[in-house]
Every structure is written in structure tokens, then in C-alpha cells.
Amino acid sequence: AVPEGTLVPMRTPMLTIRNTKHGDKRFAWL
């Protein structure tokens, strides 16, 4: 994520989230 307190332009992601575990598809739903 960008640092908290950052002004972010509209339609620009403030954070990203993805599953890890070496691409283990069992946890992609999370």
C-alpha cells in the first residue's frame, strides 16, 4: 500500500492484495 496519509488520485489503487504460499491455488479464494 501507499503510506497512510498519502493523497491518492481517483481511479488509482491505494493498495494491492494477493495470495502467496508459492502460488498454492488452495488459498487463492482468500
All heavy atoms as atom14 arrays in JSON, in Angstrom:
{
  "sequence": "AVPEGTLVPMRTPMLTIRNTKHGDKRFAWL",
  "atom14_mask": [
    [1, 1, 1, 1, 1, 0, 0, 0, 0, 0, 0, 0, 0, 0],
    [1, 1, 1, 1, 1, 1, 1, 0, 0, 0, 0, 0, 0, 0],
    [1, 1, 1, 1, 1, 1, 1, 0, 0, 0, 0, 0, 0, 0],
    [1, 1, 1, 1, 1, 1, 1, 1, 1, 0, 0, 0, 0, 0],
    [1, 1, 1, 1, 0, 0, 0, 0, 0, 0, 0, 0, 0, 0],
    [1, 1, 1, 1, 1, 1, 1, 0, 0, 0, 0, 0, 0, 0],
    [1, 1, 1, 1, 1, 1, 1, 1, 0, 0, 0, 0, 0, 0],
    [1, 1, 1, 1, 1, 1, 1, 0, 0, 0, 0, 0, 0, 0],
    [1, 1, 1, 1, 1, 1, 1, 0, 0, 0, 0, 0, 0, 0],
    [1, 1, 1, 1, 1, 1, 1, 1, 0, 0, 0, 0, 0, 0],
    [1, 1, 1, 1, 1, 1, 1, 1, 1, 1, 1, 0, 0, 0],
    [1, 1, 1, 1, 1, 1, 1, 0, 0, 0, 0, 0, 0, 0],
    [1, 1, 1, 1, 1, 1, 1, 0, 0, 0, 0, 0, 0, 0],
    [1, 1, 1, 1, 1, 1, 1, 1, 0, 0, 0, 0, 0, 0],
    [1, 1, 1, 1, 1, 1, 1, 1, 0, 0, 0, 0, 0, 0],
    [1, 1, 1, 1, 1, 1, 1, 0, 0, 0, 0, 0, 0, 0],
    [1, 1, 1, 1, 1, 1, 1, 1, 0, 0, 0, 0, 0, 0],
    [1, 1, 1, 1, 1, 1, 1, 1, 1, 1, 1, 0, 0, 0],
    [1, 1, 1, 1, 1, 1, 1, 1, 0, 0, 0, 0, 0, 0],
    [1, 1, 1, 1, 1, 1, 1, 0, 0, 0, 0, 0, 0, 0],
    [1, 1, 1, 1, 1, 1, 1, 1, 1, 0, 0, 0, 0, 0],
    [1, 1, 1, 1, 1, 1, 1, 1, 1, 1, 0, 0, 0, 0],
    [1, 1, 1, 1, 0, 0, 0, 0, 0, 0, 0, 0, 0, 0],
    [1, 1, 1, 1, 1, 1, 1, 1, 0, 0, 0, 0, 0, 0],
    [1, 1, 1, 1, 1, 1, 1, 1, 1, 0, 0, 0, 0, 0],
    [1, 1, 1, 1, 1, 1, 1, 1, 1, 1, 1, 0, 0, 0],
    [1, 1, 1, 1, 1, 1, 1, 1, 1, 1, 1, 0, 0, 0],
    [1, 1, 1, 1, 1, 0, 0, 0, 0, 0, 0, 0, 0, 0],
    [1, 1, 1, 1, 1, 1, 1, 1, 1, 1, 1, 1, 1, 1],
    [1, 1, 1, 1, 1, 1, 1, 1, 0, 0, 0, 0, 0, 0]
  ],
  "atom14_positions": [
    [[0.82, -1.2, 0.0], [0.0, 0.0, 0.0], [0.86, 1.25, 0.0], [2.03, 1.22, 0.38], [-0.92, 0.01, 1.22], [0.0, 0.0, 0.0], [0.0, 0.0, 0.0], [0.0, 0.0, 0.0], [0.0, 0.0, 0.0], [0.0, 0.0, 0.0], [0.0, 0.0, 0.0], [0.0, 0.0, 0.0], [0.0, 0.0, 0.0], [0.0, 0.0, 0.0]],
    [[0.25, 2.35, -0.41], [0.91, 3.65, -0.27], [0.95, 3.98, 1.22], [0.16, 3.44, 2.01], [0.16, 4.74, -1.05], [0.11, 4.41, -2.53], [-1.25, 4.94, -0.5], [0.0, 0.0, 0.0], [0.0, 0.0, 0.0], [0.0, 0.0, 0.0], [0.0, 0.0, 0.0], [0.0, 0.0, 0.0], [0.0, 0.0, 0.0], [0.0, 0.0, 0.0]],
    [[1.85, 4.86, 1.68], [1.88, 5.24, 3.09], [0.56, 5.89, 3.51], [-0.05, 6.63, 2.74], [3.03, 6.26, 3.16], [3.9, 5.93, 1.97], [2.96, 5.49, 0.9], [0.0, 0.0, 0.0], [0.0, 0.0, 0.0], [0.0, 0.0, 0.0], [0.0, 0.0, 0.0], [0.0, 0.0, 0.0], [0.0, 0.0, 0.0], [0.0, 0.0, 0.0]],
    [[0.13, 5.58, 4.72], [-1.09, 6.22, 5.22], [-0.87, 7.73, 5.32], [0.19, 8.19, 5.71], [-1.47, 5.63, 6.58], [-1.83, 4.16, 6.48], [-2.54, 3.64, 7.71], [-3.62, 4.15, 8.06], [-2.0, 2.7, 8.33], [0.0, 0.0, 0.0], [0.0, 0.0, 0.0], [0.0, 0.0, 0.0], [0.0, 0.0, 0.0], [0.0, 0.0, 0.0]],
    [[-1.9, 8.48, 4.95], [-1.79, 9.92, 4.88], [-1.47, 10.42, 3.48], [-1.41, 11.63, 3.25], [0.0, 0.0, 0.0], [0.0, 0.0, 0.0], [0.0, 0.0, 0.0], [0.0, 0.0, 0.0], [0.0, 0.0, 0.0], [0.0, 0.0, 0.0], [0.0, 0.0, 0.0], [0.0, 0.0, 0.0], [0.0, 0.0, 0.0], [0.0, 0.0, 0.0]],
    [[-1.29, 9.5, 2.53], [-1.0, 9.88, 1.15], [-2.27, 10.3, 0.42], [-3.31, 9.65, 0.56], [-0.36, 8.7, 0.39], [0.87, 8.34, 1.01], [-0.09, 9.06, -1.07], [0.0, 0.0, 0.0], [0.0, 0.0, 0.0], [0.0, 0.0, 0.0], [0.0, 0.0, 0.0], [0.0, 0.0, 0.0], [0.0, 0.0, 0.0], [0.0, 0.0, 0.0]],
    [[-2.19, 11.37, -0.35], [-3.28, 11.76, -1.24], [-3.16, 10.96, -2.53], [-2.14, 11.03, -3.22], [-3.23, 13.25, -1.53], [-3.79, 14.19, -0.46], [-3.46, 15.63, -0.79], [-5.3, 14.01, -0.33], [0.0, 0.0, 0.0], [0.0, 0.0, 0.0], [0.0, 0.0, 0.0], [0.0, 0.0, 0.0], [0.0, 0.0, 0.0], [0.0, 0.0, 0.0]],
    [[-4.19, 10.2, -2.84], [-4.15, 9.3, -4.0], [-5.16, 9.78, -5.04], [-6.33, 9.99, -4.71], [-4.49, 7.86, -3.57], [-4.42, 6.92, -4.76], [-3.53, 7.39, -2.47], [0.0, 0.0, 0.0], [0.0, 0.0, 0.0], [0.0, 0.0, 0.0], [0.0, 0.0, 0.0], [0.0, 0.0, 0.0], [0.0, 0.0, 0.0], [0.0, 0.0, 0.0]],
    [[-4.75, 9.95, -6.29], [-5.69, 10.35, -7.34], [-6.8, 9.31, -7.51], [-6.57, 8.11, -7.35], [-4.82, 10.44, -8.59], [-3.43, 10.62, -8.08], [-3.37, 9.86, -6.79], [0.0, 0.0, 0.0], [0.0, 0.0, 0.0], [0.0, 0.0, 0.0], [0.0, 0.0, 0.0], [0.0, 0.0, 0.0], [0.0, 0.0, 0.0], [0.0, 0.0, 0.0]],
    [[-8.0, 9.78, -7.83], [-9.11, 8.88, -8.09], [-8.74, 7.91, -9.21], [-8.0, 8.25, -10.13], [-10.37, 9.67, -8.48], [-10.97, 10.47, -7.35], [-11.62, 9.36, -6.05], [-12.07, 10.59, -4.81], [0.0, 0.0, 0.0], [0.0, 0.0, 0.0], [0.0, 0.0, 0.0], [0.0, 0.0, 0.0], [0.0, 0.0, 0.0], [0.0, 0.0, 0.0]],
    [[-9.24, 6.7, -9.1], [-9.02, 5.61, -10.05], [-7.58, 5.11, -10.05], [-7.11, 4.51, -11.0], [-9.47, 6.01, -11.47], [-10.96, 6.26, -11.58], [-11.38, 6.76, -12.94], [-10.81, 8.06, -13.23], [-11.3, 9.22, -12.76], [-12.37, 9.19, -11.98], [-10.75, 10.36, -13.07], [0.0, 0.0, 0.0], [0.0, 0.0, 0.0], [0.0, 0.0, 0.0]],
    [[-6.87, 5.41, -8.92], [-5.52, 4.88, -8.72], [-5.53, 3.94, -7.52], [-6.05, 4.31, -6.46], [-4.52, 6.03, -8.47], [-4.52, 6.92, -9.58], [-3.11, 5.49, -8.25], [0.0, 0.0, 0.0], [0.0, 0.0, 0.0], [0.0, 0.0, 0.0], [0.0, 0.0, 0.0], [0.0, 0.0, 0.0], [0.0, 0.0, 0.0], [0.0, 0.0, 0.0]],
    [[-5.0, 2.73, -7.62], [-5.02, 1.8, -6.49], [-4.3, 2.37, -5.28], [-3.2, 2.9, -5.4], [-4.3, 0.56, -7.03], [-4.48, 0.63, -8.51], [-4.45, 2.09, -8.84], [0.0, 0.0, 0.0], [0.0, 0.0, 0.0], [0.0, 0.0, 0.0], [0.0, 0.0, 0.0], [0.0, 0.0, 0.0], [0.0, 0.0, 0.0], [0.0, 0.0, 0.0]],
    [[-4.93, 2.22, -4.1], [-4.3, 2.61, -2.84], [-3.57, 1.43, -2.22], [-2.6, 1.61, -1.48], [-5.34, 3.16, -1.87], [-5.99, 4.45, -2.35], [-7.05, 5.24, -1.11], [-8.44, 4.1, -1.1], [0.0, 0.0, 0.0], [0.0, 0.0, 0.0], [0.0, 0.0, 0.0], [0.0, 0.0, 0.0], [0.0, 0.0, 0.0], [0.0, 0.0, 0.0]],
    [[-4.05, 0.23, -2.5], [-3.35, -0.96, -2.03], [-3.62, -2.11, -2.98], [-4.58, -2.1, -3.75], [-3.75, -1.34, -0.6], [-5.16, -1.86, -0.28], [-5.32, -3.35, -0.61], [-5.48, -1.66, 1.2], [0.0, 0.0, 0.0], [0.0, 0.0, 0.0], [0.0, 0.0, 0.0], [0.0, 0.0, 0.0], [0.0, 0.0, 0.0], [0.0, 0.0, 0.0]],
    [[-2.74, -3.11, -2.92], [-2.93, -4.35, -3.66], [-2.88, -5.5, -2.68], [-2.24, -5.42, -1.63], [-1.85, -4.55, -4.74], [-0.56, -4.7, -4.1], [-1.81, -3.37, -5.7], [0.0, 0.0, 0.0], [0.0, 0.0, 0.0], [0.0, 0.0, 0.0], [0.0, 0.0, 0.0], [0.0, 0.0, 0.0], [0.0, 0.0, 0.0], [0.0, 0.0, 0.0]],
    [[-3.56, -6.59, -3.02], [-3.59, -7.77, -2.16], [-3.58, -9.01, -3.05], [-4.26, -9.06, -4.07], [-4.82, -7.75, -1.23], [-4.88, -9.02, -0.37], [-6.11, -7.55, -2.01], [-5.98, -8.99, 0.7], [0.0, 0.0, 0.0], [0.0, 0.0, 0.0], [0.0, 0.0, 0.0], [0.0, 0.0, 0.0], [0.0, 0.0, 0.0], [0.0, 0.0, 0.0]],
    [[-2.77, -9.99, -2.68], [-2.72, -11.25, -3.42], [-2.41, -12.39, -2.47], [-1.83, -12.2, -1.4], [-1.68, -11.19, -4.54], [-0.24, -11.07, -4.05], [0.75, -11.11, -5.2], [2.11, -10.88, -4.78], [2.93, -11.85, -4.32], [2.49, -13.09, -4.23], [4.16, -11.55, -3.95], [0.0, 0.0, 0.0], [0.0, 0.0, 0.0], [0.0, 0.0, 0.0]],
    [[-2.77, -13.58, -2.88], [-2.42, -14.77, -2.09], [-0.99, -15.18, -2.4], [-0.45, -14.89, -3.47], [-3.38, -15.92, -2.38], [-3.37, -16.32, -3.84], [-3.79, -15.55, -4.7], [-2.91, -17.54, -4.13], [0.0, 0.0, 0.0], [0.0, 0.0, 0.0], [0.0, 0.0, 0.0], [0.0, 0.0, 0.0], [0.0, 0.0, 0.0], [0.0, 0.0, 0.0]],
    [[-0.35, -15.82, -1.45], [1.04, -16.25, -1.63], [1.14, -17.77, -1.52], [0.47, -18.47, -2.25], [1.94, -15.59, -0.56], [1.45, -15.93, 0.74], [1.93, -14.08, -0.72], [0.0, 0.0, 0.0], [0.0, 0.0, 0.0], [0.0, 0.0, 0.0], [0.0, 0.0, 0.0], [0.0, 0.0, 0.0], [0.0, 0.0, 0.0], [0.0, 0.0, 0.0]],
    [[2.0, -18.24, -0.64], [2.21, -19.68, -0.46], [2.68, -20.32, -1.76], [2.19, -21.37, -2.19], [0.94, -20.36, 0.07], [1.09, -21.78, 0.57], [2.12, -21.93, 1.65], [2.2, -23.39, 2.1], [3.4, -23.64, 2.91], [0.0, 0.0, 0.0], [0.0, 0.0, 0.0], [0.0, 0.0, 0.0], [0.0, 0.0, 0.0], [0.0, 0.0, 0.0]],
    [[3.62, -19.62, -2.45], [4.22, -20.14, -3.67], [3.16, -20.49, -4.72], [3.26, -21.52, -5.39], [5.09, -21.37, -3.36], [6.11, -21.13, -2.3], [7.12, -20.2, -2.43], [6.27, -21.69, -1.07], [7.86, -20.21, -1.33], [7.37, -21.08, -0.49], [0.0, 0.0, 0.0], [0.0, 0.0, 0.0], [0.0, 0.0, 0.0], [0.0, 0.0, 0.0]],
    [[2.15, -19.63, -4.81], [1.13, -19.86, -5.83], [0.23, -21.03, -5.54], [-0.34, -21.62, -6.45], [0.0, 0.0, 0.0], [0.0, 0.0, 0.0], [0.0, 0.0, 0.0], [0.0, 0.0, 0.0], [0.0, 0.0, 0.0], [0.0, 0.0, 0.0], [0.0, 0.0, 0.0], [0.0, 0.0, 0.0], [0.0, 0.0, 0.0], [0.0, 0.0, 0.0]],
    [[0.07, -21.4, -4.28], [-0.78, -22.53, -3.91], [-2.24, -22.17, -4.17], [-2.81, -21.3, -3.52], [-0.57, -22.85, -2.42], [-1.19, -24.2, -2.05], [-2.2, -24.58, -2.68], [-0.67, -24.85, -1.14], [0.0, 0.0, 0.0], [0.0, 0.0, 0.0], [0.0, 0.0, 0.0], [0.0, 0.0, 0.0], [0.0, 0.0, 0.0], [0.0, 0.0, 0.0]],
    [[-2.87, -22.83, -5.13], [-4.23, -22.47, -5.53], [-5.26, -22.75, -4.44], [-6.39, -22.26, -4.52], [-4.61, -23.23, -6.81], [-4.69, -24.75, -6.64], [-5.06, -25.4, -7.96], [-5.14, -26.91, -7.83], [-5.46, -27.54, -9.13], [0.0, 0.0, 0.0], [0.0, 0.0, 0.0], [0.0, 0.0, 0.0], [0.0, 0.0, 0.0], [0.0, 0.0, 0.0]],
    [[-4.88, -23.52, -3.41], [-5.83, -23.8, -2.34], [-6.25, -22.53, -1.61], [-7.31, -22.49, -0.96], [-5.22, -24.77, -1.33], [-4.96, -26.18, -1.85], [-4.37, -27.03, -0.74], [-3.14, -26.43, -0.22], [-2.6, -26.77, 0.97], [-3.19, -27.65, 1.74], [-1.48, -26.19, 1.36], [0.0, 0.0, 0.0], [0.0, 0.0, 0.0], [0.0, 0.0, 0.0]],
    [[-5.44, -21.47, -1.69], [-5.72, -20.27, -0.91], [-5.98, -19.04, -1.79], [-6.04, -17.92, -1.29], [-4.56, -19.99, 0.05], [-4.23, -21.18, 0.91], [-3.03, -21.86, 0.76], [-5.13, -21.63, 1.86], [-2.72, -22.97, 1.54], [-4.83, -22.74, 2.65], [-3.64, -23.41, 2.5], [0.0, 0.0, 0.0], [0.0, 0.0, 0.0], [0.0, 0.0, 0.0]],
    [[-6.17, -19.25, -3.07], [-6.46, -18.13, -3.95], [-7.78, -17.45, -3.59], [-7.95, -16.25, -3.81], [-6.48, -18.6, -5.41], [0.0, 0.0, 0.0], [0.0, 0.0, 0.0], [0.0, 0.0, 0.0], [0.0, 0.0, 0.0], [0.0, 0.0, 0.0], [0.0, 0.0, 0.0], [0.0, 0.0, 0.0], [0.0, 0.0, 0.0], [0.0, 0.0, 0.0]],
    [[-8.7, -18.2, -3.03], [-10.01, -17.65, -2.67], [-9.94, -16.57, -1.6], [-10.82, -15.71, -1.5], [-10.92, -18.77, -2.16], [-10.4, -19.48, -0.93], [-9.54, -20.54, -0.91], [-10.71, -19.18, 0.43], [-9.27, -20.92, 0.38], [-9.98, -20.1, 1.23], [-11.52, -18.24, 1.06], [-10.05, -20.1, 2.63], [-11.58, -18.24, 2.45], [-10.85, -19.16, 3.22]],
    [[-8.85, -16.57, -0.79], [-8.75, -15.64, 0.33], [-8.7, -14.17, -0.11], [-9.22, -13.29, 0.57], [-7.48, -15.95, 1.14], [-7.64, -16.74, 2.44], [-6.27, -16.97, 3.06], [-8.57, -16.04, 3.41], [0.0, 0.0, 0.0], [0.0, 0.0, 0.0], [0.0, 0.0, 0.0], [0.0, 0.0, 0.0], [0.0, 0.0, 0.0], [0.0, 0.0, 0.0]]
  ]
}
